[in-house]
Amino acid sequence: MSVRRVVPDLHIAHDGAAEALAGHRTFYGLLGFEEVMNHGWVMTLASPANPTAQLTFLTHDASAPVAPDLSIEVEDVDAAYAAVLASGARIVHPLRDEEWGVRRFFVEDPDGRVVNVLGHRRPADD
């Protein structure tokens, strides 16, 4: 199993989400991060010098019942899903393709953290 990146998913309040996201963008910009994705409810900042160094801020998850605590991008999300299912771990959100170009599922870790396991779909997959 090949891991491409691990990103903390930092929860922020629903109220004043746009202002909160802007505040985080400004603050972490002081440390060299730049916005690479923003859907209004979720924003990811990355280091231009090291693009896998990322932080994600979210108010909720637009297509899942819970917001994840961290995201792990893997090379083969289908293989990861099969391995997690076979282990008996609790699936919180089933494997599915999302409109923003990822295929993902959520699983609960042994301490109850929700892990978003994802892979980016290739253009031919869309």
N, C-alpha and C. Protein backbone atom coordinates (compact mmCIF):
# COMPACT_ATOMS: atom_id res chain seq x y z
N MET A 1 0.86 -1.18 0.00
CA MET A 1 0.00 0.00 0.00
C MET A 1 0.90 1.23 0.00
N SER A 2 0.70 2.11 -0.97
CA SER A 2 1.52 3.31 -1.09
C SER A 2 0.74 4.54 -0.64
N VAL A 3 1.27 5.23 0.36
CA VAL A 3 0.66 6.46 0.88
C VAL A 3 1.29 7.64 0.16
N ARG A 4 0.46 8.54 -0.35
CA ARG A 4 0.96 9.72 -1.06
C ARG A 4 1.10 10.93 -0.15
N ARG A 5 0.18 11.09 0.81
CA ARG A 5 0.25 12.21 1.74
C ARG A 5 -0.72 11.97 2.89
N VAL A 6 -0.47 12.64 3.98
CA VAL A 6 -1.35 12.62 5.15
C VAL A 6 -1.61 14.08 5.51
N VAL A 7 -2.89 14.43 5.69
CA VAL A 7 -3.27 15.82 5.93
C VAL A 7 -4.18 15.89 7.15
N PRO A 8 -3.85 16.72 8.15
CA PRO A 8 -4.80 16.91 9.25
C PRO A 8 -6.01 17.70 8.75
N ASP A 9 -7.19 17.29 9.19
CA ASP A 9 -8.43 17.99 8.86
C ASP A 9 -8.86 18.73 10.13
N LEU A 10 -8.68 20.05 10.10
CA LEU A 10 -8.92 20.89 11.27
C LEU A 10 -10.33 21.48 11.21
N HIS A 11 -11.12 21.17 12.22
CA HIS A 11 -12.51 21.61 12.25
C HIS A 11 -12.61 23.05 12.70
N ILE A 12 -13.47 23.82 12.01
CA ILE A 12 -13.74 25.20 12.41
C ILE A 12 -15.25 25.37 12.53
N ALA A 13 -15.67 26.42 13.20
CA ALA A 13 -17.10 26.66 13.44
C ALA A 13 -17.84 26.96 12.14
N HIS A 14 -19.11 26.53 12.10
CA HIS A 14 -19.97 26.81 10.94
C HIS A 14 -20.23 28.31 10.82
N ASP A 15 -20.47 28.97 11.95
CA ASP A 15 -20.78 30.39 11.94
C ASP A 15 -19.57 31.19 11.47
N GLY A 16 -19.78 32.05 10.51
CA GLY A 16 -18.70 32.88 10.00
C GLY A 16 -17.63 32.08 9.29
N ALA A 17 -18.03 31.02 8.57
CA ALA A 17 -17.06 30.13 7.92
C ALA A 17 -16.15 30.87 6.95
N ALA A 18 -16.71 31.75 6.14
CA ALA A 18 -15.89 32.46 5.15
C ALA A 18 -14.81 33.29 5.84
N GLU A 19 -15.20 33.97 6.91
CA GLU A 19 -14.23 34.79 7.65
C GLU A 19 -13.20 33.91 8.33
N ALA A 20 -13.64 32.79 8.90
CA ALA A 20 -12.72 31.87 9.57
C ALA A 20 -11.72 31.29 8.58
N LEU A 21 -12.20 30.87 7.41
CA LEU A 21 -11.29 30.34 6.40
C LEU A 21 -10.29 31.41 5.96
N ALA A 22 -10.77 32.63 5.76
CA ALA A 22 -9.88 33.72 5.35
C ALA A 22 -8.83 33.99 6.43
N GLY A 23 -9.23 33.94 7.68
CA GLY A 23 -8.29 34.16 8.78
C GLY A 23 -7.20 33.10 8.81
N HIS A 24 -7.59 31.85 8.59
CA HIS A 24 -6.61 30.76 8.56
C HIS A 24 -5.69 30.89 7.34
N ARG A 25 -6.27 31.26 6.20
CA ARG A 25 -5.47 31.45 4.98
C ARG A 25 -4.42 32.54 5.22
N THR A 26 -4.83 33.63 5.85
CA THR A 26 -3.90 34.74 6.13
C THR A 26 -2.82 34.32 7.12
N PHE A 27 -3.24 33.71 8.23
CA PHE A 27 -2.28 33.31 9.26
C PHE A 27 -1.26 32.31 8.71
N TYR A 28 -1.73 31.23 8.11
CA TYR A 28 -0.81 30.20 7.63
C TYR A 28 -0.05 30.67 6.38
N GLY A 29 -0.56 31.70 5.73
CA GLY A 29 0.19 32.33 4.64
C GLY A 29 1.48 32.95 5.14
N LEU A 30 1.45 33.42 6.39
CA LEU A 30 2.66 33.97 7.00
C LEU A 30 3.76 32.91 7.12
N LEU A 31 3.35 31.64 7.15
CA LEU A 31 4.30 30.53 7.27
C LEU A 31 4.61 29.88 5.93
N GLY A 32 4.11 30.48 4.85
CA GLY A 32 4.44 29.99 3.52
C GLY A 32 3.39 29.13 2.85
N PHE A 33 2.24 28.95 3.47
CA PHE A 33 1.18 28.15 2.86
C PHE A 33 0.35 28.99 1.89
N GLU A 34 -0.14 28.35 0.83
CA GLU A 34 -1.02 29.00 -0.13
C GLU A 34 -2.26 28.14 -0.34
N GLU A 35 -3.38 28.79 -0.63
CA GLU A 35 -4.63 28.08 -0.88
C GLU A 35 -4.53 27.29 -2.18
N VAL A 36 -4.86 25.99 -2.11
CA VAL A 36 -4.87 25.16 -3.31
C VAL A 36 -6.26 24.60 -3.61
N MET A 37 -7.20 24.71 -2.65
CA MET A 37 -8.58 24.28 -2.86
C MET A 37 -9.47 25.00 -1.87
N ASN A 38 -10.66 25.41 -2.34
CA ASN A 38 -11.64 26.02 -1.45
C ASN A 38 -13.02 25.80 -2.03
N HIS A 39 -13.85 25.04 -1.30
CA HIS A 39 -15.23 24.78 -1.72
C HIS A 39 -16.23 25.51 -0.81
N GLY A 40 -15.73 26.43 0.01
CA GLY A 40 -16.62 27.17 0.91
C GLY A 40 -16.79 26.48 2.25
N TRP A 41 -16.88 25.17 2.28
CA TRP A 41 -17.00 24.40 3.51
C TRP A 41 -15.68 23.69 3.86
N VAL A 42 -14.79 23.61 2.88
CA VAL A 42 -13.49 22.98 3.08
C VAL A 42 -12.45 23.76 2.27
N MET A 43 -11.29 24.01 2.91
CA MET A 43 -10.19 24.72 2.24
C MET A 43 -8.89 23.99 2.57
N THR A 44 -8.06 23.81 1.56
CA THR A 44 -6.75 23.20 1.76
C THR A 44 -5.67 24.20 1.41
N LEU A 45 -4.67 24.29 2.29
CA LEU A 45 -3.50 25.12 2.08
C LEU A 45 -2.31 24.18 1.90
N ALA A 46 -1.38 24.56 1.03
CA ALA A 46 -0.19 23.75 0.79
C ALA A 46 1.04 24.63 0.68
N SER A 47 2.17 24.02 0.93
CA SER A 47 3.45 24.69 0.75
C SER A 47 3.85 24.58 -0.72
N PRO A 48 4.10 25.71 -1.39
CA PRO A 48 4.55 25.64 -2.79
C PRO A 48 5.88 24.89 -2.93
N ALA A 49 6.73 24.99 -1.91
CA ALA A 49 8.04 24.32 -1.95
C ALA A 49 7.92 22.82 -1.71
N ASN A 50 6.88 22.40 -1.00
CA ASN A 50 6.66 20.99 -0.67
C ASN A 50 5.16 20.74 -0.73
N PRO A 51 4.59 20.52 -1.92
CA PRO A 51 3.14 20.45 -2.09
C PRO A 51 2.41 19.39 -1.27
N THR A 52 3.12 18.38 -0.75
CA THR A 52 2.44 17.40 0.08
C THR A 52 2.33 17.85 1.54
N ALA A 53 2.97 18.96 1.89
CA ALA A 53 2.80 19.56 3.22
C ALA A 53 1.53 20.41 3.17
N GLN A 54 0.46 19.89 3.77
CA GLN A 54 -0.85 20.52 3.63
C GLN A 54 -1.59 20.57 4.96
N LEU A 55 -2.52 21.51 5.03
CA LEU A 55 -3.49 21.63 6.12
C LEU A 55 -4.86 21.80 5.48
N THR A 56 -5.86 21.12 6.02
CA THR A 56 -7.23 21.29 5.55
C THR A 56 -8.08 21.80 6.70
N PHE A 57 -8.91 22.78 6.40
CA PHE A 57 -9.84 23.37 7.37
C PHE A 57 -11.25 23.12 6.86
N LEU A 58 -12.15 22.64 7.72
CA LEU A 58 -13.51 22.39 7.27
C LEU A 58 -14.53 22.66 8.36
N THR A 59 -15.71 23.09 7.91
CA THR A 59 -16.83 23.32 8.82
C THR A 59 -17.66 22.07 8.99
N HIS A 60 -17.74 21.26 7.95
CA HIS A 60 -18.52 20.03 7.92
C HIS A 60 -18.08 19.28 6.67
N ASP A 61 -18.69 18.17 6.37
CA ASP A 61 -18.42 17.49 5.11
C ASP A 61 -19.70 17.52 4.30
N ALA A 62 -19.62 17.99 3.08
CA ALA A 62 -20.81 18.20 2.24
C ALA A 62 -21.49 16.92 1.80
N SER A 63 -20.79 15.79 1.78
CA SER A 63 -21.42 14.57 1.28
C SER A 63 -21.30 13.38 2.22
N ALA A 64 -20.87 13.60 3.44
CA ALA A 64 -20.71 12.51 4.40
C ALA A 64 -21.41 12.88 5.71
N PRO A 65 -21.74 11.87 6.51
CA PRO A 65 -22.48 12.14 7.75
C PRO A 65 -21.64 12.78 8.85
N VAL A 66 -20.32 12.72 8.74
CA VAL A 66 -19.42 13.32 9.74
C VAL A 66 -18.25 13.98 9.02
N ALA A 67 -17.57 14.85 9.73
CA ALA A 67 -16.35 15.47 9.19
C ALA A 67 -15.16 14.63 9.65
N PRO A 68 -14.23 14.35 8.75
CA PRO A 68 -13.08 13.53 9.13
C PRO A 68 -12.08 14.31 9.99
N ASP A 69 -11.23 13.56 10.69
CA ASP A 69 -10.18 14.14 11.52
C ASP A 69 -8.85 14.23 10.78
N LEU A 70 -8.66 13.35 9.81
CA LEU A 70 -7.48 13.41 8.98
C LEU A 70 -7.76 12.72 7.66
N SER A 71 -6.97 13.07 6.66
CA SER A 71 -7.11 12.49 5.33
C SER A 71 -5.80 11.81 4.96
N ILE A 72 -5.93 10.63 4.37
CA ILE A 72 -4.77 9.90 3.88
C ILE A 72 -5.02 9.59 2.42
N GLU A 73 -4.17 10.15 1.56
CA GLU A 73 -4.27 9.86 0.13
C GLU A 73 -3.40 8.64 -0.16
N VAL A 74 -4.00 7.65 -0.81
CA VAL A 74 -3.30 6.42 -1.15
C VAL A 74 -3.28 6.25 -2.67
N GLU A 75 -2.37 5.43 -3.11
CA GLU A 75 -2.24 5.18 -4.55
C GLU A 75 -3.44 4.40 -5.09
N ASP A 76 -3.95 3.43 -4.32
CA ASP A 76 -5.04 2.57 -4.77
C ASP A 76 -6.12 2.53 -3.70
N VAL A 77 -7.09 3.44 -3.81
CA VAL A 77 -8.13 3.54 -2.78
C VAL A 77 -9.03 2.30 -2.77
N ASP A 78 -9.22 1.65 -3.90
CA ASP A 78 -10.04 0.44 -3.92
C ASP A 78 -9.37 -0.69 -3.14
N ALA A 79 -8.06 -0.83 -3.28
CA ALA A 79 -7.33 -1.85 -2.53
C ALA A 79 -7.36 -1.52 -1.03
N ALA A 80 -7.23 -0.23 -0.69
CA ALA A 80 -7.30 0.17 0.72
C ALA A 80 -8.67 -0.15 1.30
N TYR A 81 -9.72 0.13 0.53
CA TYR A 81 -11.08 -0.16 0.99
C TYR A 81 -11.26 -1.66 1.23
N ALA A 82 -10.78 -2.48 0.31
CA ALA A 82 -10.89 -3.93 0.46
C ALA A 82 -10.15 -4.40 1.72
N ALA A 83 -8.96 -3.86 1.97
CA ALA A 83 -8.18 -4.24 3.15
C ALA A 83 -8.89 -3.83 4.43
N VAL A 84 -9.45 -2.62 4.45
CA VAL A 84 -10.15 -2.13 5.64
C VAL A 84 -11.41 -2.95 5.88
N LEU A 85 -12.17 -3.24 4.83
CA LEU A 85 -13.37 -4.08 4.97
C LEU A 85 -13.01 -5.45 5.54
N ALA A 86 -11.96 -6.07 5.00
CA ALA A 86 -11.54 -7.39 5.44
C ALA A 86 -11.10 -7.40 6.90
N SER A 87 -10.61 -6.25 7.38
CA SER A 87 -10.14 -6.16 8.76
C SER A 87 -11.28 -6.09 9.76
N GLY A 88 -12.47 -5.72 9.29
CA GLY A 88 -13.60 -5.56 10.19
C GLY A 88 -13.72 -4.18 10.80
N ALA A 89 -12.85 -3.24 10.40
CA ALA A 89 -12.93 -1.87 10.92
C ALA A 89 -14.26 -1.25 10.52
N ARG A 90 -14.72 -0.30 11.32
CA ARG A 90 -16.02 0.33 11.09
C ARG A 90 -15.92 1.36 9.96
N ILE A 91 -16.67 1.12 8.89
CA ILE A 91 -16.77 2.07 7.78
C ILE A 91 -17.82 3.11 8.18
N VAL A 92 -17.44 4.37 8.14
CA VAL A 92 -18.32 5.47 8.52
C VAL A 92 -19.02 6.06 7.30
N HIS A 93 -18.35 6.01 6.15
CA HIS A 93 -18.87 6.56 4.90
C HIS A 93 -18.36 5.64 3.79
N PRO A 94 -19.25 5.04 3.02
CA PRO A 94 -18.82 4.03 2.03
C PRO A 94 -18.01 4.62 0.88
N LEU A 95 -17.30 3.75 0.20
CA LEU A 95 -16.50 4.13 -0.95
C LEU A 95 -17.39 4.75 -2.02
N ARG A 96 -17.00 5.92 -2.49
CA ARG A 96 -17.77 6.59 -3.54
C ARG A 96 -16.91 7.63 -4.25
N ASP A 97 -17.34 7.95 -5.46
CA ASP A 97 -16.71 9.00 -6.25
C ASP A 97 -17.38 10.33 -5.91
N GLU A 98 -16.56 11.33 -5.64
CA GLU A 98 -17.08 12.66 -5.31
C GLU A 98 -16.97 13.57 -6.53
N GLU A 99 -17.85 14.54 -6.61
CA GLU A 99 -17.90 15.43 -7.77
C GLU A 99 -16.65 16.28 -7.93
N TRP A 100 -15.86 16.43 -6.87
CA TRP A 100 -14.65 17.26 -6.96
C TRP A 100 -13.40 16.45 -7.33
N GLY A 101 -13.60 15.24 -7.82
CA GLY A 101 -12.49 14.51 -8.42
C GLY A 101 -11.76 13.50 -7.55
N VAL A 102 -12.33 13.14 -6.41
CA VAL A 102 -11.70 12.12 -5.59
C VAL A 102 -12.62 10.92 -5.44
N ARG A 103 -12.04 9.78 -5.15
CA ARG A 103 -12.76 8.57 -4.76
C ARG A 103 -12.34 8.34 -3.32
N ARG A 104 -13.30 8.14 -2.41
CA ARG A 104 -12.94 8.09 -1.00
C ARG A 104 -13.92 7.29 -0.17
N PHE A 105 -13.48 6.99 1.05
CA PHE A 105 -14.33 6.40 2.08
C PHE A 105 -13.81 6.88 3.42
N PHE A 106 -14.65 6.77 4.45
CA PHE A 106 -14.24 7.12 5.81
C PHE A 106 -14.26 5.85 6.65
N VAL A 107 -13.25 5.71 7.49
CA VAL A 107 -13.17 4.59 8.41
C VAL A 107 -12.81 5.12 9.79
N GLU A 108 -13.27 4.44 10.82
CA GLU A 108 -12.96 4.83 12.19
C GLU A 108 -11.71 4.09 12.64
N ASP A 109 -10.76 4.84 13.21
CA ASP A 109 -9.55 4.20 13.72
C ASP A 109 -9.83 3.62 15.11
N PRO A 110 -8.87 2.91 15.72
CA PRO A 110 -9.14 2.27 17.02
C PRO A 110 -9.52 3.24 18.14
N ASP A 111 -9.17 4.52 18.02
CA ASP A 111 -9.54 5.50 19.04
C ASP A 111 -10.79 6.29 18.67
N GLY A 112 -11.44 5.93 17.56
CA GLY A 112 -12.67 6.61 17.16
C GLY A 112 -12.47 7.80 16.25
N ARG A 113 -11.24 8.09 15.84
CA ARG A 113 -11.02 9.17 14.88
C ARG A 113 -11.53 8.75 13.51
N VAL A 114 -12.09 9.69 12.79
CA VAL A 114 -12.59 9.40 11.45
C VAL A 114 -11.50 9.73 10.44
N VAL A 115 -11.13 8.72 9.66
CA VAL A 115 -10.06 8.87 8.67
C VAL A 115 -10.68 8.85 7.27
N ASN A 116 -10.42 9.89 6.51
CA ASN A 116 -10.85 10.02 5.12
C ASN A 116 -9.74 9.40 4.27
N VAL A 117 -10.01 8.25 3.65
CA VAL A 117 -9.02 7.59 2.80
C VAL A 117 -9.43 7.88 1.36
N LEU A 118 -8.52 8.46 0.58
CA LEU A 118 -8.90 8.93 -0.74
C LEU A 118 -7.84 8.69 -1.78
N GLY A 119 -8.27 8.77 -3.00
CA GLY A 119 -7.39 8.78 -4.16
C GLY A 119 -7.97 9.74 -5.17
N HIS A 120 -7.11 10.45 -5.88
CA HIS A 120 -7.60 11.35 -6.93
C HIS A 120 -7.91 10.52 -8.17
N ARG A 121 -9.06 10.77 -8.75
CA ARG A 121 -9.43 10.05 -9.98
C ARG A 121 -8.65 10.63 -11.15
N ARG A 122 -8.26 9.76 -12.03
CA ARG A 122 -7.63 10.21 -13.29
C ARG A 122 -8.72 10.78 -14.17
N PRO A 123 -8.40 11.73 -15.05
CA PRO A 123 -9.41 12.32 -15.93
C PRO A 123 -10.22 11.28 -16.69
N ALA A 124 -9.62 10.17 -17.09
CA ALA A 124 -10.36 9.13 -17.83
C ALA A 124 -11.40 8.45 -16.96
N ASP A 125 -11.26 8.56 -15.62
CA ASP A 125 -12.20 7.93 -14.69
C ASP A 125 -13.49 8.73 -14.55
N ASP A 126 -13.48 10.01 -14.92
CA ASP A 126 -14.63 10.90 -14.70
C ASP A 126 -15.81 10.58 -15.57
